[in-house]
Protein backbone atom coordinates (compact mmCIF):
# COMPACT_ATOMS: atom_id res chain seq x y z
CA UNK A 1 143.89 -94.57 -18.84
CA UNK A 2 142.22 -91.32 -17.95
CA UNK A 3 143.42 -88.66 -15.58
CA UNK A 4 141.40 -85.61 -14.64
CA UNK A 5 141.40 -82.85 -12.11
CA UNK A 6 138.25 -82.23 -10.17
CA UNK A 7 137.23 -79.06 -8.39
CA UNK A 8 138.06 -79.32 -4.70
CA UNK A 9 134.39 -79.47 -3.67
CA UNK A 10 133.73 -82.47 -5.92
CA UNK A 11 136.93 -84.16 -4.83
CA UNK A 12 135.92 -83.73 -1.20
CA UNK A 13 132.46 -85.15 -1.79
CA UNK A 14 133.87 -88.07 -3.71
CA UNK A 15 136.42 -88.80 -1.00
CA UNK A 16 133.76 -88.60 1.71
CA UNK A 17 131.55 -91.05 -0.18
CA UNK A 18 134.46 -93.42 -0.73
CA UNK A 19 135.45 -93.26 2.95
CA UNK A 20 131.91 -93.82 4.20
CA UNK A 21 131.20 -96.76 1.90
CA UNK A 22 134.57 -98.48 1.78
CA UNK A 23 134.70 -98.17 -2.00
CA UNK A 24 137.34 -96.35 -3.98
CA UNK A 25 137.01 -92.98 -5.64
CA UNK A 26 137.86 -94.78 -8.88
CA UNK A 27 134.86 -97.08 -8.41
CA UNK A 28 132.47 -94.12 -8.13
CA UNK A 29 134.10 -92.19 -10.97
CA UNK A 30 133.80 -95.25 -13.23
CA UNK A 31 130.15 -95.81 -12.24
CA UNK A 32 129.32 -92.16 -12.91
CA UNK A 33 130.98 -92.22 -16.32
CA UNK A 34 129.24 -95.47 -17.29
CA UNK A 35 125.82 -94.08 -16.29
CA UNK A 36 126.48 -90.87 -18.20
CA UNK A 37 127.57 -92.81 -21.29
CA UNK A 38 124.45 -94.98 -21.16
CA UNK A 39 122.26 -91.88 -20.90
CA UNK A 40 124.07 -90.14 -23.77
CA UNK A 41 123.85 -93.26 -25.94
CA UNK A 42 120.10 -93.45 -25.26
CA UNK A 43 119.67 -89.80 -26.17
CA UNK A 44 121.72 -90.23 -29.34
CA UNK A 45 119.70 -93.27 -30.43
CA UNK A 46 116.38 -91.55 -29.68
CA UNK A 47 117.46 -88.46 -31.60
CA UNK A 48 118.60 -90.61 -34.52
CA UNK A 49 115.26 -92.49 -34.56
CA UNK A 50 113.28 -89.24 -34.40
CA UNK A 51 115.28 -87.77 -37.26
CA UNK A 52 114.72 -90.92 -39.37
CA UNK A 53 110.98 -90.80 -38.58
CA UNK A 54 110.72 -87.16 -39.59
CA UNK A 55 112.65 -87.79 -42.81
CA UNK A 56 110.41 -90.76 -43.68
CA UNK A 57 107.37 -88.53 -44.01
CA UNK A 58 105.26 -90.91 -41.94
CA UNK A 59 102.48 -89.38 -39.87
CA UNK A 60 101.54 -90.11 -36.30
CA UNK A 61 98.14 -91.71 -35.77
CA UNK A 62 95.91 -90.83 -32.83
CA UNK A 63 94.48 -93.55 -30.62
CA UNK A 64 90.92 -92.92 -31.82
CA UNK A 65 91.97 -93.24 -35.46
CA UNK A 66 93.97 -96.39 -34.73
CA UNK A 67 91.06 -98.01 -32.86
CA UNK A 68 88.69 -97.18 -35.73
CA UNK A 69 91.12 -98.57 -38.29
CA UNK A 70 91.39 -101.80 -36.29
CA UNK A 71 87.64 -102.01 -35.70
CA UNK A 72 88.05 -101.53 -31.95
CA UNK A 73 85.99 -98.36 -31.59
CA UNK A 74 82.90 -98.01 -29.45
């Protein structure tokens, strides 16, 4: 269970959307939270992967170097 107070402007917008679509304010609040959580999880995982890459000491390889290494160059 979660209870929160929204600024009046946001509450009004949320109510208007709910009224116009026939959905509840709870539906839209839940959808917004789920989308935010997905985005934050993606950012966290990307940051974690980047940190692991940097700590590994591996180097990025340019496309030209990769093609040459694979014998795909001109």
